[in-house]
Every structure is written in C-alpha cells, then in structure tokens.
All heavy atoms as atom14 arrays in JSON, in Angstrom:
{
  "sequence": "IAMIDAPYQVWHYAEKLKMTREELRQEAKESDGNPEIKAKIRQQQ",
  "atom14_mask": [
    [1, 1, 1, 1, 1, 1, 1, 1, 0, 0, 0, 0, 0, 0],
    [1, 1, 1, 1, 1, 0, 0, 0, 0, 0, 0, 0, 0, 0],
    [1, 1, 1, 1, 1, 1, 1, 1, 0, 0, 0, 0, 0, 0],
    [1, 1, 1, 1, 1, 1, 1, 1, 0, 0, 0, 0, 0, 0],
    [1, 1, 1, 1, 1, 1, 1, 1, 0, 0, 0, 0, 0, 0],
    [1, 1, 1, 1, 1, 0, 0, 0, 0, 0, 0, 0, 0, 0],
    [1, 1, 1, 1, 1, 1, 1, 0, 0, 0, 0, 0, 0, 0],
    [1, 1, 1, 1, 1, 1, 1, 1, 1, 1, 1, 1, 0, 0],
    [1, 1, 1, 1, 1, 1, 1, 1, 1, 0, 0, 0, 0, 0],
    [1, 1, 1, 1, 1, 1, 1, 0, 0, 0, 0, 0, 0, 0],
    [1, 1, 1, 1, 1, 1, 1, 1, 1, 1, 1, 1, 1, 1],
    [1, 1, 1, 1, 1, 1, 1, 1, 1, 1, 0, 0, 0, 0],
    [1, 1, 1, 1, 1, 1, 1, 1, 1, 1, 1, 1, 0, 0],
    [1, 1, 1, 1, 1, 0, 0, 0, 0, 0, 0, 0, 0, 0],
    [1, 1, 1, 1, 1, 1, 1, 1, 1, 0, 0, 0, 0, 0],
    [1, 1, 1, 1, 1, 1, 1, 1, 1, 0, 0, 0, 0, 0],
    [1, 1, 1, 1, 1, 1, 1, 1, 0, 0, 0, 0, 0, 0],
    [1, 1, 1, 1, 1, 1, 1, 1, 1, 0, 0, 0, 0, 0],
    [1, 1, 1, 1, 1, 1, 1, 1, 0, 0, 0, 0, 0, 0],
    [1, 1, 1, 1, 1, 1, 1, 0, 0, 0, 0, 0, 0, 0],
    [1, 1, 1, 1, 1, 1, 1, 1, 1, 1, 1, 0, 0, 0],
    [1, 1, 1, 1, 1, 1, 1, 1, 1, 0, 0, 0, 0, 0],
    [1, 1, 1, 1, 1, 1, 1, 1, 1, 0, 0, 0, 0, 0],
    [1, 1, 1, 1, 1, 1, 1, 1, 0, 0, 0, 0, 0, 0],
    [1, 1, 1, 1, 1, 1, 1, 1, 1, 1, 1, 0, 0, 0],
    [1, 1, 1, 1, 1, 1, 1, 1, 1, 0, 0, 0, 0, 0],
    [1, 1, 1, 1, 1, 1, 1, 1, 1, 0, 0, 0, 0, 0],
    [1, 1, 1, 1, 1, 0, 0, 0, 0, 0, 0, 0, 0, 0],
    [1, 1, 1, 1, 1, 1, 1, 1, 1, 0, 0, 0, 0, 0],
    [1, 1, 1, 1, 1, 1, 1, 1, 1, 0, 0, 0, 0, 0],
    [1, 1, 1, 1, 1, 1, 0, 0, 0, 0, 0, 0, 0, 0],
    [1, 1, 1, 1, 1, 1, 1, 1, 0, 0, 0, 0, 0, 0],
    [1, 1, 1, 1, 0, 0, 0, 0, 0, 0, 0, 0, 0, 0],
    [1, 1, 1, 1, 1, 1, 1, 1, 0, 0, 0, 0, 0, 0],
    [1, 1, 1, 1, 1, 1, 1, 0, 0, 0, 0, 0, 0, 0],
    [1, 1, 1, 1, 1, 1, 1, 1, 1, 0, 0, 0, 0, 0],
    [1, 1, 1, 1, 1, 1, 1, 1, 0, 0, 0, 0, 0, 0],
    [1, 1, 1, 1, 1, 1, 1, 1, 1, 0, 0, 0, 0, 0],
    [1, 1, 1, 1, 1, 0, 0, 0, 0, 0, 0, 0, 0, 0],
    [1, 1, 1, 1, 1, 1, 1, 1, 1, 0, 0, 0, 0, 0],
    [1, 1, 1, 1, 1, 1, 1, 1, 0, 0, 0, 0, 0, 0],
    [1, 1, 1, 1, 1, 1, 1, 1, 1, 1, 1, 0, 0, 0],
    [1, 1, 1, 1, 1, 1, 1, 1, 1, 0, 0, 0, 0, 0],
    [1, 1, 1, 1, 1, 1, 1, 1, 1, 0, 0, 0, 0, 0],
    [1, 1, 1, 1, 1, 1, 1, 1, 1, 0, 0, 0, 0, 0]
  ],
  "atom14_positions": [
    [[0.83, -1.21, 0.0], [0.0, 0.0, 0.0], [0.87, 1.26, 0.0], [0.58, 2.25, -0.68], [-0.95, -0.02, 1.21], [-1.93, -1.19, 1.08], [-1.7, 1.29, 1.33], [-2.88, -1.31, 2.23], [0.0, 0.0, 0.0], [0.0, 0.0, 0.0], [0.0, 0.0, 0.0], [0.0, 0.0, 0.0], [0.0, 0.0, 0.0], [0.0, 0.0, 0.0]],
    [[1.98, 1.22, 0.76], [2.87, 2.38, 0.8], [3.5, 2.65, -0.56], [3.66, 3.82, -0.97], [3.96, 2.16, 1.85], [0.0, 0.0, 0.0], [0.0, 0.0, 0.0], [0.0, 0.0, 0.0], [0.0, 0.0, 0.0], [0.0, 0.0, 0.0], [0.0, 0.0, 0.0], [0.0, 0.0, 0.0], [0.0, 0.0, 0.0], [0.0, 0.0, 0.0]],
    [[3.86, 1.62, -1.29], [4.46, 1.79, -2.61], [3.46, 2.36, -3.61], [3.86, 2.98, -4.61], [5.01, 0.45, -3.1], [6.19, -0.07, -2.3], [6.76, -1.7, -2.84], [7.33, -1.3, -4.49], [0.0, 0.0, 0.0], [0.0, 0.0, 0.0], [0.0, 0.0, 0.0], [0.0, 0.0, 0.0], [0.0, 0.0, 0.0], [0.0, 0.0, 0.0]],
    [[2.19, 2.16, -3.38], [1.16, 2.76, -4.24], [0.85, 4.19, -3.79], [0.64, 5.09, -4.6], [-0.12, 1.89, -4.23], [0.19, 0.51, -4.8], [-1.24, 2.57, -5.02], [-0.98, -0.46, -4.7], [0.0, 0.0, 0.0], [0.0, 0.0, 0.0], [0.0, 0.0, 0.0], [0.0, 0.0, 0.0], [0.0, 0.0, 0.0], [0.0, 0.0, 0.0]],
    [[0.83, 4.39, -2.47], [0.42, 5.69, -1.94], [1.47, 6.77, -2.18], [1.11, 7.92, -2.45], [0.15, 5.56, -0.44], [-0.32, 6.87, 0.17], [-1.43, 7.33, -0.18], [0.43, 7.45, 0.98], [0.0, 0.0, 0.0], [0.0, 0.0, 0.0], [0.0, 0.0, 0.0], [0.0, 0.0, 0.0], [0.0, 0.0, 0.0], [0.0, 0.0, 0.0]],
    [[2.75, 6.43, -2.06], [3.8, 7.45, -2.21], [3.78, 8.11, -3.59], [3.74, 9.35, -3.68], [5.17, 6.84, -1.91], [0.0, 0.0, 0.0], [0.0, 0.0, 0.0], [0.0, 0.0, 0.0], [0.0, 0.0, 0.0], [0.0, 0.0, 0.0], [0.0, 0.0, 0.0], [0.0, 0.0, 0.0], [0.0, 0.0, 0.0], [0.0, 0.0, 0.0]],
    [[3.77, 7.36, -4.71], [3.66, 8.04, -6.02], [2.36, 8.81, -6.18], [2.34, 9.87, -6.81], [3.76, 6.89, -7.03], [4.41, 5.78, -6.29], [3.97, 5.92, -4.87], [0.0, 0.0, 0.0], [0.0, 0.0, 0.0], [0.0, 0.0, 0.0], [0.0, 0.0, 0.0], [0.0, 0.0, 0.0], [0.0, 0.0, 0.0], [0.0, 0.0, 0.0]],
    [[1.28, 8.28, -5.59], [0.0, 9.0, -5.7], [0.08, 10.35, -4.99], [-0.43, 11.35, -5.52], [-1.12, 8.16, -5.11], [-2.4, 8.96, -4.91], [-3.21, 9.28, -5.99], [-2.76, 9.42, -3.64], [-4.36, 10.04, -5.82], [-3.9, 10.18, -3.46], [-4.7, 10.49, -4.55], [-5.82, 11.25, -4.38], [0.0, 0.0, 0.0], [0.0, 0.0, 0.0]],
    [[0.71, 10.39, -3.81], [0.8, 11.65, -3.08], [1.65, 12.68, -3.83], [1.32, 13.86, -3.85], [1.39, 11.41, -1.68], [0.49, 10.59, -0.76], [-0.84, 11.27, -0.46], [-0.97, 12.48, -0.57], [-1.83, 10.47, -0.11], [0.0, 0.0, 0.0], [0.0, 0.0, 0.0], [0.0, 0.0, 0.0], [0.0, 0.0, 0.0], [0.0, 0.0, 0.0]],
    [[2.72, 12.21, -4.46], [3.54, 13.12, -5.26], [2.74, 13.66, -6.44], [2.78, 14.85, -6.76], [4.82, 12.4, -5.74], [5.61, 13.29, -6.69], [5.68, 11.99, -4.56], [0.0, 0.0, 0.0], [0.0, 0.0, 0.0], [0.0, 0.0, 0.0], [0.0, 0.0, 0.0], [0.0, 0.0, 0.0], [0.0, 0.0, 0.0], [0.0, 0.0, 0.0]],
    [[1.99, 12.77, -7.11], [1.16, 13.22, -8.24], [0.06, 14.16, -7.78], [-0.2, 15.18, -8.43], [0.55, 11.98, -8.92], [-0.46, 12.33, -9.98], [-0.21, 12.67, -11.27], [-1.88, 12.41, -9.8], [-1.38, 12.94, -11.93], [-2.43, 12.79, -11.05], [-2.73, 12.19, -8.73], [-3.79, 12.96, -11.23], [-4.1, 12.36, -8.92], [-4.61, 12.72, -10.17]],
    [[-0.59, 13.84, -6.67], [-1.67, 14.69, -6.16], [-1.14, 16.06, -5.75], [-1.8, 17.09, -5.98], [-2.33, 14.01, -4.95], [-3.45, 14.79, -4.35], [-3.28, 15.6, -3.24], [-4.76, 14.92, -4.7], [-4.43, 16.17, -2.93], [-5.33, 15.79, -3.8], [0.0, 0.0, 0.0], [0.0, 0.0, 0.0], [0.0, 0.0, 0.0], [0.0, 0.0, 0.0]],
    [[0.04, 16.11, -5.18], [0.65, 17.39, -4.79], [0.93, 18.24, -6.03], [0.67, 19.45, -6.04], [1.94, 17.12, -4.02], [2.67, 18.34, -3.57], [2.24, 19.07, -2.47], [3.81, 18.79, -4.23], [2.91, 20.2, -2.04], [4.49, 19.91, -3.81], [4.04, 20.62, -2.72], [4.72, 21.74, -2.31], [0.0, 0.0, 0.0], [0.0, 0.0, 0.0]],
    [[1.47, 17.6, -7.09], [1.75, 18.34, -8.33], [0.46, 18.85, -8.96], [0.4, 19.98, -9.47], [2.51, 17.46, -9.3], [0.0, 0.0, 0.0], [0.0, 0.0, 0.0], [0.0, 0.0, 0.0], [0.0, 0.0, 0.0], [0.0, 0.0, 0.0], [0.0, 0.0, 0.0], [0.0, 0.0, 0.0], [0.0, 0.0, 0.0], [0.0, 0.0, 0.0]],
    [[-0.6, 18.03, -8.92], [-1.88, 18.47, -9.47], [-2.47, 19.63, -8.67], [-3.06, 20.56, -9.23], [-2.87, 17.3, -9.48], [-2.56, 16.23, -10.52], [-2.78, 16.74, -11.93], [-3.81, 17.4, -12.16], [-1.91, 16.49, -12.79], [0.0, 0.0, 0.0], [0.0, 0.0, 0.0], [0.0, 0.0, 0.0], [0.0, 0.0, 0.0], [0.0, 0.0, 0.0]],
    [[-2.31, 19.57, -7.34], [-2.87, 20.61, -6.49], [-2.2, 21.96, -6.72], [-2.85, 23.01, -6.63], [-2.72, 20.19, -5.03], [-3.31, 21.18, -4.04], [-3.15, 20.69, -2.62], [-1.7, 20.63, -2.21], [-1.51, 20.32, -0.78], [0.0, 0.0, 0.0], [0.0, 0.0, 0.0], [0.0, 0.0, 0.0], [0.0, 0.0, 0.0], [0.0, 0.0, 0.0]],
    [[-0.91, 21.95, -7.05], [-0.17, 23.2, -7.22], [-0.11, 23.67, -8.67], [0.58, 24.64, -8.96], [1.25, 23.04, -6.69], [1.4, 22.86, -5.18], [2.86, 22.85, -4.8], [0.68, 23.96, -4.41], [0.0, 0.0, 0.0], [0.0, 0.0, 0.0], [0.0, 0.0, 0.0], [0.0, 0.0, 0.0], [0.0, 0.0, 0.0], [0.0, 0.0, 0.0]],
    [[-0.82, 22.98, -9.58], [-0.8, 23.42, -10.97], [-1.31, 24.86, -11.09], [-2.15, 25.3, -10.3], [-1.63, 22.48, -11.84], [-0.85, 21.27, -12.34], [-1.64, 20.5, -13.36], [-0.81, 19.38, -13.96], [-1.56, 18.62, -14.98], [0.0, 0.0, 0.0], [0.0, 0.0, 0.0], [0.0, 0.0, 0.0], [0.0, 0.0, 0.0], [0.0, 0.0, 0.0]],
    [[-0.82, 25.56, -12.09], [-1.13, 26.97, -12.25], [-1.81, 27.21, -13.6], [-1.66, 26.41, -14.54], [0.16, 27.81, -12.17], [0.96, 27.58, -10.9], [2.55, 28.41, -10.93], [2.05, 30.14, -10.93], [0.0, 0.0, 0.0], [0.0, 0.0, 0.0], [0.0, 0.0, 0.0], [0.0, 0.0, 0.0], [0.0, 0.0, 0.0], [0.0, 0.0, 0.0]],
    [[-2.53, 28.31, -13.68], [-3.09, 28.73, -14.95], [-2.05, 29.55, -15.71], [-1.05, 30.0, -15.14], [-4.35, 29.58, -14.73], [-3.98, 30.8, -14.03], [-5.37, 28.83, -13.89], [0.0, 0.0, 0.0], [0.0, 0.0, 0.0], [0.0, 0.0, 0.0], [0.0, 0.0, 0.0], [0.0, 0.0, 0.0], [0.0, 0.0, 0.0], [0.0, 0.0, 0.0]],
    [[-2.28, 29.72, -16.99], [-1.36, 30.52, -17.79], [-1.34, 31.97, -17.33], [-0.31, 32.63, -17.38], [-1.75, 30.44, -19.27], [-1.58, 29.05, -19.86], [-1.99, 29.02, -21.32], [-1.84, 27.68, -21.88], [-2.17, 27.36, -23.12], [-2.68, 28.28, -23.93], [-2.0, 26.11, -23.55], [0.0, 0.0, 0.0], [0.0, 0.0, 0.0], [0.0, 0.0, 0.0]],
    [[-2.5, 32.45, -16.89], [-2.57, 33.82, -16.39], [-1.71, 33.98, -15.13], [-1.03, 34.99, -14.95], [-4.02, 34.19, -16.1], [-4.22, 35.6, -15.56], [-3.76, 36.66, -16.53], [-3.78, 36.41, -17.75], [-3.35, 37.74, -16.07], [0.0, 0.0, 0.0], [0.0, 0.0, 0.0], [0.0, 0.0, 0.0], [0.0, 0.0, 0.0], [0.0, 0.0, 0.0]],
    [[-1.74, 32.97, -14.24], [-0.91, 33.01, -13.03], [0.57, 32.99, -13.39], [1.37, 33.68, -12.74], [-1.26, 31.84, -12.12], [-2.62, 31.96, -11.45], [-2.97, 30.72, -10.65], [-2.42, 29.64, -10.93], [-3.83, 30.82, -9.74], [0.0, 0.0, 0.0], [0.0, 0.0, 0.0], [0.0, 0.0, 0.0], [0.0, 0.0, 0.0], [0.0, 0.0, 0.0]],
    [[0.94, 32.22, -14.39], [2.34, 32.19, -14.82], [2.77, 33.55, -15.36], [3.88, 34.02, -15.06], [2.55, 31.11, -15.88], [2.55, 29.66, -15.39], [2.65, 28.71, -16.56], [3.71, 29.43, -14.43], [0.0, 0.0, 0.0], [0.0, 0.0, 0.0], [0.0, 0.0, 0.0], [0.0, 0.0, 0.0], [0.0, 0.0, 0.0], [0.0, 0.0, 0.0]],
    [[1.9, 34.17, -16.15], [2.24, 35.49, -16.69], [2.35, 36.52, -15.57], [3.27, 37.36, -15.57], [1.18, 35.93, -17.71], [1.3, 35.22, -19.05], [0.46, 35.92, -20.1], [-0.96, 35.72, -19.87], [-1.68, 34.77, -20.43], [-1.11, 33.91, -21.26], [-2.98, 34.66, -20.19], [0.0, 0.0, 0.0], [0.0, 0.0, 0.0], [0.0, 0.0, 0.0]],
    [[1.43, 36.46, -14.6], [1.47, 37.4, -13.49], [2.72, 37.19, -12.66], [3.36, 38.16, -12.21], [0.22, 37.23, -12.63], [0.07, 38.27, -11.53], [-0.12, 39.68, -12.08], [-0.65, 39.86, -13.17], [0.34, 40.67, -11.34], [0.0, 0.0, 0.0], [0.0, 0.0, 0.0], [0.0, 0.0, 0.0], [0.0, 0.0, 0.0], [0.0, 0.0, 0.0]],
    [[3.1, 35.94, -12.45], [4.31, 35.65, -11.68], [5.54, 36.14, -12.41], [6.49, 36.65, -11.79], [4.4, 34.15, -11.42], [5.59, 33.76, -10.56], [5.66, 32.28, -10.32], [4.86, 31.79, -9.48], [6.48, 31.6, -10.96], [0.0, 0.0, 0.0], [0.0, 0.0, 0.0], [0.0, 0.0, 0.0], [0.0, 0.0, 0.0], [0.0, 0.0, 0.0]],
    [[5.54, 35.98, -13.74], [6.67, 36.47, -14.53], [6.8, 37.99, -14.42], [7.91, 38.53, -14.32], [6.52, 36.06, -15.98], [0.0, 0.0, 0.0], [0.0, 0.0, 0.0], [0.0, 0.0, 0.0], [0.0, 0.0, 0.0], [0.0, 0.0, 0.0], [0.0, 0.0, 0.0], [0.0, 0.0, 0.0], [0.0, 0.0, 0.0], [0.0, 0.0, 0.0]],
    [[5.65, 38.66, -14.4], [5.68, 40.12, -14.23], [6.25, 40.49, -12.87], [7.03, 41.44, -12.73], [4.27, 40.7, -14.39], [3.75, 40.7, -15.82], [2.37, 41.33, -15.88], [1.82, 41.34, -17.29], [0.47, 41.97, -17.36], [0.0, 0.0, 0.0], [0.0, 0.0, 0.0], [0.0, 0.0, 0.0], [0.0, 0.0, 0.0], [0.0, 0.0, 0.0]],
    [[5.83, 39.76, -11.84], [6.29, 40.09, -10.49], [7.77, 39.78, -10.29], [8.46, 40.5, -9.59], [5.46, 39.32, -9.45], [4.01, 39.75, -9.41], [3.19, 38.9, -8.46], [3.76, 37.94, -7.9], [1.98, 39.18, -8.28], [0.0, 0.0, 0.0], [0.0, 0.0, 0.0], [0.0, 0.0, 0.0], [0.0, 0.0, 0.0], [0.0, 0.0, 0.0]],
    [[8.24, 38.69, -10.89], [9.63, 38.3, -10.71], [10.57, 39.09, -11.61], [11.63, 39.55, -11.19], [9.81, 36.8, -10.97], [9.39, 36.49, -12.29], [0.0, 0.0, 0.0], [0.0, 0.0, 0.0], [0.0, 0.0, 0.0], [0.0, 0.0, 0.0], [0.0, 0.0, 0.0], [0.0, 0.0, 0.0], [0.0, 0.0, 0.0], [0.0, 0.0, 0.0]],
    [[10.18, 39.25, -12.89], [11.04, 39.96, -13.83], [10.77, 41.46, -13.86], [11.57, 42.23, -14.39], [10.84, 39.41, -15.25], [11.21, 37.94, -15.32], [12.01, 37.5, -14.48], [10.69, 37.24, -16.21], [0.0, 0.0, 0.0], [0.0, 0.0, 0.0], [0.0, 0.0, 0.0], [0.0, 0.0, 0.0], [0.0, 0.0, 0.0], [0.0, 0.0, 0.0]],
    [[9.64, 41.85, -13.29], [9.28, 43.27, -13.31], [8.24, 43.54, -14.38], [8.29, 43.0, -15.48], [0.0, 0.0, 0.0], [0.0, 0.0, 0.0], [0.0, 0.0, 0.0], [0.0, 0.0, 0.0], [0.0, 0.0, 0.0], [0.0, 0.0, 0.0], [0.0, 0.0, 0.0], [0.0, 0.0, 0.0], [0.0, 0.0, 0.0], [0.0, 0.0, 0.0]],
    [[7.3, 44.37, -14.04], [6.27, 44.75, -14.99], [6.91, 45.5, -16.16], [7.64, 46.46, -15.96], [5.24, 45.63, -14.29], [4.0, 45.82, -15.14], [4.08, 46.09, -16.33], [2.84, 45.67, -14.51], [0.0, 0.0, 0.0], [0.0, 0.0, 0.0], [0.0, 0.0, 0.0], [0.0, 0.0, 0.0], [0.0, 0.0, 0.0], [0.0, 0.0, 0.0]],
    [[6.65, 45.08, -17.43], [7.28, 45.76, -18.57], [7.0, 47.26, -18.6], [7.87, 48.05, -18.97], [6.66, 45.05, -19.78], [6.25, 43.71, -19.26], [5.84, 43.94, -17.82], [0.0, 0.0, 0.0], [0.0, 0.0, 0.0], [0.0, 0.0, 0.0], [0.0, 0.0, 0.0], [0.0, 0.0, 0.0], [0.0, 0.0, 0.0], [0.0, 0.0, 0.0]],
    [[5.8, 47.66, -18.21], [5.48, 49.09, -18.21], [6.32, 49.83, -17.18], [6.84, 50.92, -17.45], [3.99, 49.28, -17.93], [3.09, 48.67, -19.0], [1.62, 48.84, -18.66], [1.34, 49.38, -17.57], [0.76, 48.44, -19.48], [0.0, 0.0, 0.0], [0.0, 0.0, 0.0], [0.0, 0.0, 0.0], [0.0, 0.0, 0.0], [0.0, 0.0, 0.0]],
    [[6.46, 49.22, -16.0], [7.28, 49.86, -14.96], [8.74, 49.9, -15.38], [9.43, 50.91, -15.18], [7.1, 49.13, -13.62], [5.64, 49.22, -13.15], [8.03, 49.69, -12.56], [5.35, 48.45, -11.88], [0.0, 0.0, 0.0], [0.0, 0.0, 0.0], [0.0, 0.0, 0.0], [0.0, 0.0, 0.0], [0.0, 0.0, 0.0], [0.0, 0.0, 0.0]],
    [[9.22, 48.79, -15.97], [10.61, 48.77, -16.42], [10.85, 49.81, -17.5], [11.9, 50.46, -17.51], [10.95, 47.37, -16.93], [10.99, 46.31, -15.83], [11.26, 44.94, -16.39], [12.65, 44.82, -16.94], [12.95, 43.45, -17.39], [0.0, 0.0, 0.0], [0.0, 0.0, 0.0], [0.0, 0.0, 0.0], [0.0, 0.0, 0.0], [0.0, 0.0, 0.0]],
    [[9.9, 49.97, -18.41], [10.05, 50.98, -19.45], [10.08, 52.39, -18.84], [10.87, 53.24, -19.27], [8.91, 50.86, -20.46], [0.0, 0.0, 0.0], [0.0, 0.0, 0.0], [0.0, 0.0, 0.0], [0.0, 0.0, 0.0], [0.0, 0.0, 0.0], [0.0, 0.0, 0.0], [0.0, 0.0, 0.0], [0.0, 0.0, 0.0], [0.0, 0.0, 0.0]],
    [[9.25, 52.59, -17.83], [9.25, 53.9, -17.18], [10.57, 54.15, -16.45], [11.09, 55.27, -16.47], [8.08, 53.97, -16.19], [7.84, 55.36, -15.63], [6.57, 55.4, -14.8], [6.31, 56.83, -14.29], [5.06, 56.89, -13.49], [0.0, 0.0, 0.0], [0.0, 0.0, 0.0], [0.0, 0.0, 0.0], [0.0, 0.0, 0.0], [0.0, 0.0, 0.0]],
    [[11.1, 53.1, -15.82], [12.4, 53.24, -15.14], [13.5, 53.56, -16.14], [14.35, 54.43, -15.9], [12.72, 51.96, -14.34], [11.73, 51.81, -13.18], [14.15, 51.99, -13.83], [11.89, 50.52, -12.41], [0.0, 0.0, 0.0], [0.0, 0.0, 0.0], [0.0, 0.0, 0.0], [0.0, 0.0, 0.0], [0.0, 0.0, 0.0], [0.0, 0.0, 0.0]],
    [[13.48, 52.84, -17.28], [14.5, 53.13, -18.3], [14.37, 54.55, -18.83], [15.37, 55.22, -19.08], [14.36, 52.12, -19.45], [14.87, 50.74, -19.11], [15.05, 49.91, -20.38], [13.77, 49.67, -21.04], [13.01, 48.62, -20.83], [13.4, 47.69, -19.97], [11.86, 48.46, -21.47], [0.0, 0.0, 0.0], [0.0, 0.0, 0.0], [0.0, 0.0, 0.0]],
    [[13.13, 55.01, -18.98], [12.92, 56.38, -19.43], [13.48, 57.38, -18.42], [14.13, 58.37, -18.78], [11.43, 56.64, -19.66], [11.13, 58.04, -20.18], [9.65, 58.26, -20.39], [8.85, 57.36, -20.16], [9.27, 59.46, -20.81], [0.0, 0.0, 0.0], [0.0, 0.0, 0.0], [0.0, 0.0, 0.0], [0.0, 0.0, 0.0], [0.0, 0.0, 0.0]],
    [[13.23, 57.13, -17.12], [13.78, 58.01, -16.1], [15.3, 57.97, -16.09], [15.95, 59.02, -15.89], [13.23, 57.59, -14.73], [11.74, 57.84, -14.56], [11.21, 57.35, -13.23], [11.9, 56.62, -12.5], [9.98, 57.71, -12.89], [0.0, 0.0, 0.0], [0.0, 0.0, 0.0], [0.0, 0.0, 0.0], [0.0, 0.0, 0.0], [0.0, 0.0, 0.0]],
    [[15.87, 56.78, -16.3], [17.32, 56.69, -16.35], [17.88, 57.47, -17.54], [18.93, 58.13, -17.41], [17.75, 55.22, -16.43], [17.48, 54.43, -15.16], [17.77, 52.95, -15.32], [17.86, 52.44, -16.44], [17.92, 52.26, -14.2], [0.0, 0.0, 0.0], [0.0, 0.0, 0.0], [0.0, 0.0, 0.0], [0.0, 0.0, 0.0], [0.0, 0.0, 0.0]]
  ]
}
C-alpha cells in the first residue's frame, strides 16, 4: 500500500499546485518586473 500511496501523493501534490497561464504570466511580471514599470524606469534613467 505504501508503494502505491507514495507516487500517488507526489502526483496529487503536483496536481494541487498546478497553475493557470494567467498566473504564470502574473508571476513572470512580479519576478522579472512589470514591462510598463521597467520601461518607465528606463525612461527616467
């Protein structure tokens, strides 16, 4: 039972944390910086 449950828990965890494309785009903006804000910073520089 343990050998069946362990892979299932790993799969269930991955399914639970799956993201939408919109969430990925929003995360990219937060991590890399909003393009509009970056453009404004470059303009100020």
